[in-house]
């Protein structure tokens, strides 16, 4: 930038809204993106991630990642990728044309990307989305990525004027993995594209429900518009910024590697079943590929069938990159390094076992980061920053192992069903409390604040005659009662989403009369 013109990437939402002290020379030397990073780290919403499930509740084990340790690793991997790209003179001009790639922006986005995850991880997200739709008729439902943006722009009071964190445009844009709303923006909506971006399509079992993944509620549309303004003419409306693309890949890498570490450590991920699945597929790959879907179904429960189903799914949804030779090579590498390497020796807490985990993590992280590239015209299911085909296939196989041998376990399903009932019961109990007029003056102060803020947001939207605000409620946008009911529902969802796993359980116990202990957690109340 020249003269006194500000860098549009550094513009803050409330810039100029609050008086500021005269900047010192030290202040001027600090990157505004590092200021963003520090604000995120100082946020109570960031601290609470230490008590939020990554995959399964870590309350009984110090060996499992939680959302805080996961976010720190995403930030670390993302920064490593961004620094590697920044040092590559060949891609520098392309990065500049696409809007830039600052390591500080990527790091801040990595730290913030999971702020919106509710208690009990993705399970809590699914339950809150269902309740938001069915109980409160919220057209946006609930989505953890959109909740992250809502926190940093609205519900966190840690910024200079108490509305969000007042982050720069570049960092807010980098948080947007899926830069669209569930139903309406941008127009035309990316879910209507011939080959929609990843996450833009509706779930197969709910084709009219809008995108399965999105990063913006309608209440934060103005935030998205301002954050993405510096990238106008450089990116399509549905495309991630380069920094968001780097953060997204870093999230995939961390998920693929570190969750496998966790379940090896606690003895859930066992050598024999993983070895049988990968080994049998390699031995019968041609035979399995020749079977039609009906014949393949007869292989149910036989090792190799699930991996063959993965190969077919990749062909149907990611034809832009999938390759059978690369898939086979990825299976071979994962078998050699995960199955015959890490899993061959049960984790017993010894120095040798710790060193094996360290080698596995460092080796795979280095390999995947080394496969990062930048392209000017990516396919719609990828960002401008993407993995090379070999590493892309390896990530798919690593994630398959995690899903097949951890997430699909019956004992894990049993655990999650209990958590789903807990979240449902908590939302219902809070709804009854907030609806009790005799208790209006005794509601948790945070819940009152959230309801007031949501009502102000919906009134502002109603004044614009935005039809999607009230479409699910089937009411006119001028109906004060409709606005009040939507705000009440959004406030309860915001409130529950801001709890840790243990806070959610303890609050339900208190509301249900199952404890005689006085409540003392003032972050909740």
Protein backbone atom coordinates (compact mmCIF):
# COMPACT_ATOMS: atom_id res chain seq x y z
CA UNK A 1 0.00 0.00 0.00
CA UNK A 2 1.13 3.61 -0.53
CA UNK A 3 0.63 6.85 1.38
CA UNK A 4 -1.93 6.73 4.18
CA UNK A 5 -4.16 4.14 2.50
CA UNK A 6 -4.71 1.21 4.85
CA UNK A 7 -4.06 -2.33 3.70
CA UNK A 8 -7.61 -3.66 3.16
CA UNK A 9 -6.54 -7.06 4.52
CA UNK A 10 -5.75 -5.34 7.84
CA UNK A 11 -9.09 -3.53 8.21
CA UNK A 12 -10.98 -4.37 11.39
CA UNK A 13 -14.77 -4.50 11.72
CA UNK A 14 -14.92 -1.75 14.32
CA UNK A 15 -11.87 0.22 13.25
CA UNK A 16 -12.34 3.75 14.48
CA UNK A 17 -15.34 2.85 16.66
CA UNK A 18 -13.45 3.03 19.94
CA UNK A 19 -10.85 5.54 21.09
CA UNK A 20 -7.33 4.22 20.96
CA UNK A 21 -4.14 5.33 22.67
CA UNK A 22 -1.49 6.98 20.53
CA UNK A 23 0.53 4.07 19.00
CA UNK A 24 4.13 3.71 20.07
CA UNK A 25 6.99 2.64 17.80
CA UNK A 26 6.75 -0.83 19.37
CA UNK A 27 3.06 -1.02 18.52
CA UNK A 28 3.74 -0.10 14.90
CA UNK A 29 6.32 -2.89 14.61
CA UNK A 30 3.84 -5.59 15.65
CA UNK A 31 1.97 -7.35 12.88
CA UNK A 32 -1.80 -6.73 13.21
CA UNK A 33 -2.24 -10.45 12.57
CA UNK A 34 -0.15 -11.25 15.64
CA UNK A 35 -2.46 -8.97 17.59
CA UNK A 36 -5.32 -11.12 16.29
CA UNK A 37 -3.50 -14.28 17.34
CA UNK A 38 -2.97 -12.90 20.84
CA UNK A 39 -6.63 -11.91 21.15
CA UNK A 40 -7.71 -15.42 20.17
CA UNK A 41 -5.33 -17.08 22.63
CA UNK A 42 -6.54 -14.78 25.43
CA UNK A 43 -10.20 -15.58 24.74
CA UNK A 44 -12.12 -17.71 27.26
CA UNK A 45 -13.67 -19.45 24.27
CA UNK A 46 -10.18 -20.63 23.30
CA UNK A 47 -9.40 -21.79 26.85
CA UNK A 48 -12.63 -23.83 26.98
CA UNK A 49 -11.43 -25.95 24.07
CA UNK A 50 -9.25 -27.79 26.60
CA UNK A 51 -12.46 -29.30 27.94
CA UNK A 52 -14.10 -30.08 24.60
CA UNK A 53 -13.97 -33.48 22.91
CA UNK A 54 -11.84 -33.99 19.84
CA UNK A 55 -13.14 -37.49 19.06
CA UNK A 56 -14.02 -39.03 22.43
CA UNK A 57 -14.09 -37.32 25.81
CA UNK A 58 -10.59 -36.89 27.21
CA UNK A 59 -11.82 -36.48 30.78
CA UNK A 60 -10.39 -39.83 31.85
CA UNK A 61 -7.10 -39.75 29.97
CA UNK A 62 -4.25 -37.30 29.49
CA UNK A 63 -3.23 -39.20 26.35
CA UNK A 64 -6.10 -37.96 24.15
CA UNK A 65 -6.16 -34.77 22.13
CA UNK A 66 -8.86 -32.25 22.92
CA UNK A 67 -9.98 -29.35 20.76
CA UNK A 68 -7.34 -27.09 22.29
CA UNK A 69 -4.36 -29.34 21.57
CA UNK A 70 -5.81 -30.08 18.12
CA UNK A 71 -6.12 -26.34 17.38
CA UNK A 72 -2.53 -25.72 18.50
CA UNK A 73 -1.30 -28.43 16.14
CA UNK A 74 -3.39 -27.11 13.24
CA UNK A 75 -1.86 -23.67 13.83
CA UNK A 76 1.62 -25.19 13.96
CA UNK A 77 1.21 -27.24 10.77
CA UNK A 78 -0.53 -24.36 9.00
CA UNK A 79 2.26 -21.97 9.82
CA UNK A 80 4.86 -24.46 8.59
CA UNK A 81 3.02 -24.75 5.26
CA UNK A 82 2.64 -20.97 4.92
CA UNK A 83 6.32 -20.36 5.67
CA UNK A 84 7.31 -22.99 3.14
CA UNK A 85 5.16 -21.32 0.48
CA UNK A 86 6.44 -17.86 1.40
CA UNK A 87 10.02 -19.05 0.86
CA UNK A 88 9.21 -20.41 -2.62
CA UNK A 89 10.02 -17.64 -5.09
CA UNK A 90 8.27 -19.49 -7.90
CA UNK A 91 4.83 -19.36 -6.26
CA UNK A 92 5.24 -15.89 -4.73
CA UNK A 93 3.71 -13.94 -7.63
CA UNK A 94 0.75 -16.34 -7.82
CA UNK A 95 0.11 -16.04 -4.08
CA UNK A 96 0.13 -12.27 -4.39
CA UNK A 97 -2.38 -12.34 -7.26
CA UNK A 98 -4.67 -14.57 -5.19
CA UNK A 99 -4.65 -12.24 -2.19
CA UNK A 100 -1.58 -13.22 -0.19
CA UNK A 101 -0.46 -15.89 2.27
CA UNK A 102 0.83 -14.54 5.57
CA UNK A 103 2.00 -17.16 8.12
CA UNK A 104 0.61 -15.06 10.99
CA UNK A 105 -2.85 -15.06 9.37
CA UNK A 106 -2.76 -18.83 8.89
CA UNK A 107 -1.62 -19.39 12.47
CA UNK A 108 -4.41 -17.18 13.85
CA UNK A 109 -7.00 -18.94 11.71
CA UNK A 110 -5.74 -22.34 12.88
CA UNK A 111 -6.13 -21.27 16.49
CA UNK A 112 -9.66 -19.94 15.89
CA UNK A 113 -11.08 -22.52 13.50
CA UNK A 114 -12.64 -24.76 16.19
CA UNK A 115 -13.83 -22.08 18.63
CA UNK A 116 -17.43 -22.90 17.70
CA UNK A 117 -17.24 -26.62 18.40
CA UNK A 118 -19.83 -27.49 21.06
CA UNK A 119 -19.54 -30.01 23.88
CA UNK A 120 -18.83 -33.57 22.70
CA UNK A 121 -17.41 -32.54 19.33
CA UNK A 122 -19.14 -33.49 16.08
CA UNK A 123 -21.80 -35.46 17.95
CA UNK A 124 -22.81 -32.30 19.84
CA UNK A 125 -22.80 -30.40 16.55
CA UNK A 126 -25.26 -32.83 14.98
CA UNK A 127 -27.59 -32.74 17.98
CA UNK A 128 -27.61 -28.95 18.22
CA UNK A 129 -28.28 -28.67 14.49
CA UNK A 130 -31.28 -30.99 14.78
CA UNK A 131 -32.66 -29.10 17.78
CA UNK A 132 -32.06 -25.72 16.14
CA UNK A 133 -34.14 -26.86 13.17
CA UNK A 134 -36.83 -28.91 14.85
CA UNK A 135 -37.33 -27.17 18.19
CA UNK A 136 -36.50 -23.55 17.37
CA UNK A 137 -37.12 -23.33 13.58
CA UNK A 138 -33.77 -21.60 13.05
CA UNK A 139 -33.22 -21.59 9.27
CA UNK A 140 -29.43 -21.66 9.78
CA UNK A 141 -29.56 -24.55 12.21
CA UNK A 142 -26.18 -25.01 13.87
CA UNK A 143 -22.77 -25.50 12.31
CA UNK A 144 -19.48 -25.47 14.20
CA UNK A 145 -17.63 -23.51 11.51
CA UNK A 146 -20.31 -20.81 11.37
CA UNK A 147 -20.33 -20.71 15.17
CA UNK A 148 -16.59 -19.99 15.13
CA UNK A 149 -17.16 -16.88 13.01
CA UNK A 150 -20.08 -15.87 15.24
CA UNK A 151 -17.88 -16.08 18.33
CA UNK A 152 -15.03 -13.94 16.98
CA UNK A 153 -17.40 -11.35 15.52
CA UNK A 154 -20.23 -11.24 18.05
CA UNK A 155 -20.48 -13.35 21.21
CA UNK A 156 -16.92 -13.03 22.54
CA UNK A 157 -16.71 -9.71 24.36
CA UNK A 158 -12.92 -9.52 24.37
CA UNK A 159 -12.55 -6.91 21.62
CA UNK A 160 -12.13 -3.16 22.17
CA UNK A 161 -15.88 -2.41 22.24
CA UNK A 162 -17.16 -5.73 23.59
CA UNK A 163 -18.58 -7.08 20.32
CA UNK A 164 -16.43 -9.93 19.10
CA UNK A 165 -12.63 -9.78 18.96
CA UNK A 166 -12.47 -7.18 16.15
CA UNK A 167 -10.08 -9.24 14.02
CA UNK A 168 -8.59 -8.12 10.74
CA UNK A 169 -10.35 -8.91 7.47
CA UNK A 170 -7.63 -11.36 6.42
CA UNK A 171 -7.95 -13.48 9.58
CA UNK A 172 -11.74 -13.48 9.48
CA UNK A 173 -11.62 -14.53 5.83
CA UNK A 174 -9.10 -17.28 6.65
CA UNK A 175 -11.51 -18.76 9.21
CA UNK A 176 -14.09 -19.27 6.44
CA UNK A 177 -13.50 -22.84 5.25
CA UNK A 178 -16.92 -22.82 3.59
CA UNK A 179 -17.59 -19.18 2.59
CA UNK A 180 -21.34 -19.44 2.14
CA UNK A 181 -24.50 -19.65 4.23
CA UNK A 182 -26.60 -22.76 4.52
CA UNK A 183 -29.34 -21.65 2.14
CA UNK A 184 -29.02 -18.32 0.40
CA UNK A 185 -25.62 -16.63 -0.04
CA UNK A 186 -23.84 -16.10 -2.30
CA UNK A 187 -26.37 -16.07 -5.11
CA UNK A 188 -26.24 -18.33 -7.09
CA UNK A 189 -25.47 -20.66 -4.21
CA UNK A 190 -22.48 -23.02 -4.69
CA UNK A 191 -24.63 -26.09 -3.92
CA UNK A 192 -26.34 -25.49 -7.27
CA UNK A 193 -23.10 -25.73 -9.24
CA UNK A 194 -22.67 -28.68 -11.59
CA UNK A 195 -19.78 -29.89 -9.42
CA UNK A 196 -20.29 -28.24 -6.01
CA UNK A 197 -17.38 -27.38 -3.73
CA UNK A 198 -16.64 -29.78 -0.89
CA UNK A 199 -19.31 -29.34 1.80
CA UNK A 200 -21.70 -27.29 -0.35
CA UNK A 201 -24.03 -30.14 -1.30
CA UNK A 202 -27.00 -31.04 0.87
CA UNK A 203 -26.89 -34.29 2.84
CA UNK A 204 -28.23 -37.22 0.81
CA UNK A 205 -30.91 -37.93 3.41
CA UNK A 206 -32.08 -34.28 3.54
CA UNK A 207 -31.82 -32.82 0.02
CA UNK A 208 -33.83 -29.70 0.88
CA UNK A 209 -31.89 -28.78 4.01
CA UNK A 210 -29.21 -26.67 2.32
CA UNK A 211 -25.46 -27.15 2.44
CA UNK A 212 -24.11 -29.77 4.82
CA UNK A 213 -21.17 -27.50 5.71
CA UNK A 214 -21.10 -23.70 5.84
CA UNK A 215 -19.13 -21.05 7.69
CA UNK A 216 -21.62 -18.18 7.95
CA UNK A 217 -25.00 -17.67 9.59
CA UNK A 218 -27.24 -15.02 8.06
CA UNK A 219 -26.61 -12.88 11.15
CA UNK A 220 -22.93 -12.58 10.13
CA UNK A 221 -23.41 -11.92 6.41
CA UNK A 222 -22.03 -8.40 6.74
CA UNK A 223 -18.94 -9.80 8.45
CA UNK A 224 -18.29 -12.17 5.56
CA UNK A 225 -18.80 -9.39 3.04
CA UNK A 226 -16.32 -7.09 4.74
CA UNK A 227 -13.79 -9.84 5.40
CA UNK A 228 -13.79 -10.98 1.79
CA UNK A 229 -13.87 -7.50 0.20
CA UNK A 230 -10.03 -7.38 -0.19
CA UNK A 231 -10.24 -10.55 -2.30
CA UNK A 232 -12.90 -9.33 -4.73
CA UNK A 233 -11.80 -9.95 -8.31
CA UNK A 234 -9.11 -12.36 -7.14
CA UNK A 235 -11.31 -15.25 -6.00
CA UNK A 236 -14.76 -16.53 -6.88
CA UNK A 237 -17.37 -15.86 -4.22
CA UNK A 238 -17.39 -19.50 -3.13
CA UNK A 239 -13.62 -20.02 -3.08
CA UNK A 240 -11.50 -20.11 0.05
CA UNK A 241 -8.76 -17.53 0.43
CA UNK A 242 -5.27 -19.01 0.13
CA UNK A 243 -4.83 -18.70 3.89
CA UNK A 244 -8.13 -20.49 4.53
CA UNK A 245 -7.03 -23.21 2.12
CA UNK A 246 -3.75 -23.68 4.00
CA UNK A 247 -5.58 -23.85 7.34
CA UNK A 248 -8.05 -26.38 5.90
CA UNK A 249 -5.26 -28.67 4.71
CA UNK A 250 -3.44 -28.30 8.04
CA UNK A 251 -6.66 -29.37 9.78
CA UNK A 252 -6.87 -32.45 7.56
CA UNK A 253 -3.23 -33.35 8.24
CA UNK A 254 -3.59 -32.95 12.00
CA UNK A 255 -6.79 -34.97 12.03
CA UNK A 256 -5.34 -37.76 9.90
CA UNK A 257 -2.20 -38.19 12.00
CA UNK A 258 -2.88 -37.16 15.57
CA UNK A 259 -6.18 -38.94 16.08
CA UNK A 260 -4.51 -42.20 15.06
CA UNK A 261 -1.81 -41.52 17.64
CA UNK A 262 -4.46 -41.08 20.33
CA UNK A 263 -6.18 -44.37 19.77
CA UNK A 264 -2.92 -46.26 19.45
CA UNK A 265 -1.89 -44.83 22.82
CA UNK A 266 -5.02 -46.02 24.62
CA UNK A 267 -5.09 -49.41 22.90
CA UNK A 268 -8.20 -48.88 20.76
CA UNK A 269 -6.44 -49.00 17.39
CA UNK A 270 -5.27 -52.60 17.14
CA UNK A 271 -2.77 -54.12 14.73
CA UNK A 272 -4.70 -57.24 13.67
CA UNK A 273 -7.95 -55.77 12.23
CA UNK A 274 -6.20 -52.91 10.43
CA UNK A 275 -3.59 -55.30 9.01
CA UNK A 276 -6.32 -57.67 7.82
CA UNK A 277 -8.31 -54.90 6.09
CA UNK A 278 -5.38 -53.37 4.23
CA UNK A 279 -3.65 -56.69 3.56
CA UNK A 280 -6.74 -58.43 2.18
CA UNK A 281 -7.56 -55.49 -0.08
CA UNK A 282 -4.04 -55.52 -1.50
CA UNK A 283 -4.24 -59.28 -2.07
CA UNK A 284 -7.65 -59.15 -3.76
CA UNK A 285 -7.67 -55.65 -5.30
CA UNK A 286 -8.33 -56.81 -8.86
CA UNK A 287 -10.96 -59.31 -7.78
CA UNK A 288 -12.77 -56.72 -5.69
CA UNK A 289 -12.62 -54.09 -8.43
CA UNK A 290 -14.28 -56.51 -10.86
CA UNK A 291 -17.33 -57.06 -8.62
CA UNK A 292 -20.48 -55.06 -9.18
CA UNK A 293 -22.07 -53.35 -6.18
CA UNK A 294 -24.44 -56.27 -5.48
CA UNK A 295 -21.64 -58.81 -5.52
CA UNK A 296 -19.41 -56.59 -3.39
CA UNK A 297 -22.17 -56.36 -0.78
CA UNK A 298 -21.81 -60.12 -0.28
CA UNK A 299 -18.29 -59.42 1.05
CA UNK A 300 -19.83 -57.57 4.00
CA UNK A 301 -17.75 -58.02 7.17
CA UNK A 302 -14.92 -59.57 5.18
CA UNK A 303 -11.60 -57.71 5.37
CA UNK A 304 -10.95 -55.60 2.28
CA UNK A 305 -14.57 -54.78 1.42
CA UNK A 306 -14.67 -51.45 3.31
CA UNK A 307 -11.48 -50.23 1.69
CA UNK A 308 -12.84 -51.14 -1.74
CA UNK A 309 -15.97 -49.12 -0.95
CA UNK A 310 -13.71 -46.17 -0.12
CA UNK A 311 -11.94 -46.50 -3.47
CA UNK A 312 -15.30 -46.41 -5.27
CA UNK A 313 -16.55 -43.41 -3.27
CA UNK A 314 -13.42 -41.48 -4.15
CA UNK A 315 -14.00 -42.20 -7.84
CA UNK A 316 -17.59 -40.95 -7.61
CA UNK A 317 -16.87 -37.70 -5.77
CA UNK A 318 -13.23 -36.81 -6.50
CA UNK A 319 -12.63 -37.83 -10.10
CA UNK A 320 -10.46 -34.73 -10.50
CA UNK A 321 -7.60 -36.39 -8.59
CA UNK A 322 -8.37 -40.03 -7.78
CA UNK A 323 -6.07 -42.59 -9.38
CA UNK A 324 -6.05 -46.34 -8.74
CA UNK A 325 -2.27 -46.65 -8.83
CA UNK A 326 -1.89 -43.77 -6.37
CA UNK A 327 -4.57 -45.31 -4.15
CA UNK A 328 -2.80 -48.67 -4.14
CA UNK A 329 0.53 -47.00 -3.35
CA UNK A 330 -1.10 -45.10 -0.48
CA UNK A 331 -2.49 -48.33 0.99
CA UNK A 332 0.96 -49.90 0.76
CA UNK A 333 2.63 -46.95 2.49
CA UNK A 334 0.05 -46.81 5.29
CA UNK A 335 0.37 -50.56 5.77
CA UNK A 336 4.14 -50.31 6.02
CA UNK A 337 4.38 -47.24 8.26
CA UNK A 338 1.23 -47.45 10.37
CA UNK A 339 0.35 -51.14 10.55
CA UNK A 340 3.79 -52.77 10.42
CA UNK A 341 5.46 -49.77 11.98
CA UNK A 342 3.54 -47.96 14.72
CA UNK A 343 0.89 -50.57 15.50
CA UNK A 344 3.29 -53.51 15.51
CA UNK A 345 4.36 -52.60 19.05
CA UNK A 346 1.54 -52.00 21.58
CA UNK A 347 1.88 -48.67 23.38
CA UNK A 348 3.06 -49.32 26.94
CA UNK A 349 4.18 -45.84 27.99
CA UNK A 350 7.86 -46.69 27.66
CA UNK A 351 10.44 -44.35 26.16
CA UNK A 352 10.66 -46.66 23.17
CA UNK A 353 6.92 -46.49 22.60
CA UNK A 354 6.92 -42.69 22.92
CA UNK A 355 9.76 -42.45 20.42
CA UNK A 356 7.83 -44.61 17.95
CA UNK A 357 4.83 -42.28 18.19
CA UNK A 358 7.10 -39.26 17.76
CA UNK A 359 8.74 -40.71 14.66
CA UNK A 360 5.37 -41.59 13.15
CA UNK A 361 3.95 -38.12 13.75
CA UNK A 362 7.01 -36.18 12.62
CA UNK A 363 7.59 -38.38 9.58
CA UNK A 364 4.04 -38.19 8.29
CA UNK A 365 3.72 -34.46 9.01
CA UNK A 366 6.93 -33.75 7.09
CA UNK A 367 5.85 -35.94 4.17
CA UNK A 368 2.40 -34.39 3.86
CA UNK A 369 3.65 -30.81 4.20
CA UNK A 370 6.25 -31.52 1.51
CA UNK A 371 3.43 -32.40 -0.90
CA UNK A 372 1.77 -28.98 -0.78
CA UNK A 373 1.43 -26.99 -4.00
CA UNK A 374 -0.41 -23.93 -5.34
CA UNK A 375 -2.42 -23.83 -8.57
CA UNK A 376 -4.06 -20.84 -10.31
CA UNK A 377 -7.23 -22.65 -11.40
CA UNK A 378 -8.13 -25.44 -8.97
CA UNK A 379 -11.05 -27.84 -9.40
CA UNK A 380 -14.16 -26.82 -7.50
CA UNK A 381 -13.60 -29.45 -4.79
CA UNK A 382 -10.20 -28.04 -3.89
CA UNK A 383 -8.70 -24.76 -2.81
CA UNK A 384 -5.80 -23.07 -4.58
CA UNK A 385 -3.46 -24.79 -2.12
CA UNK A 386 -3.64 -28.55 -2.40
CA UNK A 387 -1.82 -31.79 -1.73
CA UNK A 388 0.00 -33.67 -4.46
CA UNK A 389 -1.88 -36.80 -5.64
CA UNK A 390 0.31 -39.22 -3.67
CA UNK A 391 -0.16 -37.39 -0.37
CA UNK A 392 -3.84 -36.72 -1.05
CA UNK A 393 -4.51 -40.44 -1.37
CA UNK A 394 -2.48 -41.16 1.75
CA UNK A 395 -4.61 -38.76 3.77
CA UNK A 396 -7.77 -40.49 2.51
CA UNK A 397 -6.46 -43.89 3.63
CA UNK A 398 -5.30 -42.59 7.03
CA UNK A 399 -8.72 -41.02 7.62
CA UNK A 400 -10.37 -44.26 6.53
CA UNK A 401 -8.45 -46.21 9.17
CA UNK A 402 -9.59 -43.76 11.84
CA UNK A 403 -13.23 -43.90 10.80
CA UNK A 404 -13.40 -47.65 10.22
CA UNK A 405 -11.57 -48.80 13.33
CA UNK A 406 -12.50 -46.05 15.80
CA UNK A 407 -15.61 -44.09 14.90
CA UNK A 408 -17.64 -47.10 13.77
CA UNK A 409 -16.98 -49.15 16.92
CA UNK A 410 -20.19 -50.18 18.79
CA UNK A 411 -18.75 -49.08 22.14
CA UNK A 412 -18.08 -45.63 20.69
CA UNK A 413 -21.68 -45.49 19.39
CA UNK A 414 -22.97 -46.42 22.85
CA UNK A 415 -20.91 -43.61 24.40
CA UNK A 416 -22.21 -41.09 21.85
CA UNK A 417 -25.86 -42.02 22.31
CA UNK A 418 -25.57 -41.08 25.95
CA UNK A 419 -23.95 -37.78 25.08
CA UNK A 420 -26.68 -37.02 22.53
CA UNK A 421 -29.35 -37.55 25.18
CA UNK A 422 -27.43 -35.26 27.54
CA UNK A 423 -27.23 -32.39 25.05
CA UNK A 424 -30.89 -32.80 24.08
CA UNK A 425 -32.04 -32.81 27.70
CA UNK A 426 -29.92 -29.74 28.49
CA UNK A 427 -31.38 -27.70 25.62
CA UNK A 428 -34.91 -28.71 26.61
CA UNK A 429 -34.29 -27.81 30.26
CA UNK A 430 -32.90 -24.38 29.35
CA UNK A 431 -35.83 -23.76 27.00
CA UNK A 432 -38.26 -24.47 29.82
CA UNK A 433 -36.28 -22.18 32.15
CA UNK A 434 -36.08 -19.25 29.73
CA UNK A 435 -39.80 -19.66 29.00
CA UNK A 436 -40.77 -19.40 32.69
CA UNK A 437 -41.84 -15.79 33.18
CA UNK A 438 -41.51 -16.07 36.94
CA UNK A 439 -37.82 -16.88 36.51
CA UNK A 440 -36.98 -14.14 33.99
CA UNK A 441 -34.95 -12.14 36.50
CA UNK A 442 -32.95 -15.19 37.62
CA UNK A 443 -31.75 -16.49 34.28
CA UNK A 444 -27.99 -16.83 33.81
CA UNK A 445 -26.71 -13.40 32.87
CA UNK A 446 -24.83 -14.74 29.88
CA UNK A 447 -27.99 -16.34 28.54
CA UNK A 448 -29.85 -13.03 28.93
CA UNK A 449 -27.10 -11.17 27.11
CA UNK A 450 -27.10 -13.69 24.28
CA UNK A 451 -30.88 -13.43 23.90
CA UNK A 452 -30.77 -9.64 23.79
CA UNK A 453 -28.00 -9.61 21.21
CA UNK A 454 -29.71 -12.21 19.03
CA UNK A 455 -33.00 -10.29 19.15
CA UNK A 456 -31.24 -7.11 18.03
CA UNK A 457 -29.60 -9.03 15.16
CA UNK A 458 -32.88 -10.55 13.98
CA UNK A 459 -34.67 -7.18 14.19
CA UNK A 460 -32.00 -5.67 11.96
CA UNK A 461 -32.38 -8.50 9.47
CA UNK A 462 -36.17 -8.25 9.57
CA UNK A 463 -35.90 -4.61 8.55
CA UNK A 464 -34.15 -5.74 5.36
CA UNK A 465 -37.07 -8.07 4.53
CA UNK A 466 -34.67 -10.97 4.19
CA UNK A 467 -37.06 -13.89 3.53
CA UNK A 468 -34.71 -16.63 4.71
CA UNK A 469 -34.66 -15.23 8.25
CA UNK A 470 -38.15 -16.45 8.97
CA UNK A 471 -38.74 -19.02 6.27
CA UNK A 472 -38.39 -22.01 8.59
CA UNK A 473 -40.75 -20.44 11.14
CA UNK A 474 -43.36 -19.79 8.45
CA UNK A 475 -43.98 -16.27 9.74
CA UNK A 476 -43.66 -12.75 8.49
CA UNK A 477 -40.44 -10.96 9.28
CA UNK A 478 -42.46 -8.11 10.84
CA UNK A 479 -43.93 -10.37 13.54
CA UNK A 480 -42.28 -9.36 16.88
CA UNK A 481 -43.15 -12.71 18.42
CA UNK A 482 -41.39 -14.55 15.60
CA UNK A 483 -38.29 -12.43 16.15
CA UNK A 484 -38.42 -13.07 19.89
CA UNK A 485 -38.78 -16.84 19.45
CA UNK A 486 -35.91 -17.05 16.98
CA UNK A 487 -33.69 -15.00 19.29
CA UNK A 488 -34.59 -17.21 22.24
CA UNK A 489 -33.68 -20.33 20.28
CA UNK A 490 -30.42 -18.90 18.97
CA UNK A 491 -29.44 -17.76 22.47
CA UNK A 492 -29.98 -21.23 23.94
CA UNK A 493 -27.97 -22.82 21.12
CA UNK A 494 -25.18 -20.24 21.56
CA UNK A 495 -25.18 -20.82 25.31
CA UNK A 496 -24.95 -24.61 25.16
CA UNK A 497 -22.35 -24.46 22.38
CA UNK A 498 -20.11 -22.37 24.64
CA UNK A 499 -19.86 -25.04 27.36
CA UNK A 500 -17.19 -27.66 27.92
CA UNK A 501 -18.12 -31.33 28.13
CA UNK A 502 -18.00 -31.30 31.92
CA UNK A 503 -19.88 -27.99 32.20
CA UNK A 504 -22.71 -29.39 30.08
CA UNK A 505 -22.97 -32.52 32.23
CA UNK A 506 -22.78 -30.57 35.50
CA UNK A 507 -25.33 -27.96 34.38
CA UNK A 508 -27.83 -30.64 33.39
CA UNK A 509 -27.31 -32.38 36.72
CA UNK A 510 -28.05 -29.11 38.52
CA UNK A 511 -31.13 -28.35 36.41
CA UNK A 512 -32.38 -31.90 36.93
CA UNK A 513 -31.98 -31.82 40.71
CA UNK A 514 -29.39 -34.59 40.67
CA UNK A 515 -26.84 -32.62 42.68
CA UNK A 516 -27.01 -30.62 45.89
CA UNK A 517 -23.81 -28.71 45.21
CA UNK A 518 -24.22 -24.95 44.61
CA UNK A 519 -23.24 -23.81 41.15
CA UNK A 520 -20.01 -21.81 41.11
CA UNK A 521 -18.88 -21.67 37.47
CA UNK A 522 -19.37 -17.99 36.66
CA UNK A 523 -18.32 -18.42 33.03
CA UNK A 524 -21.55 -20.38 32.59
CA UNK A 525 -23.79 -18.19 34.74
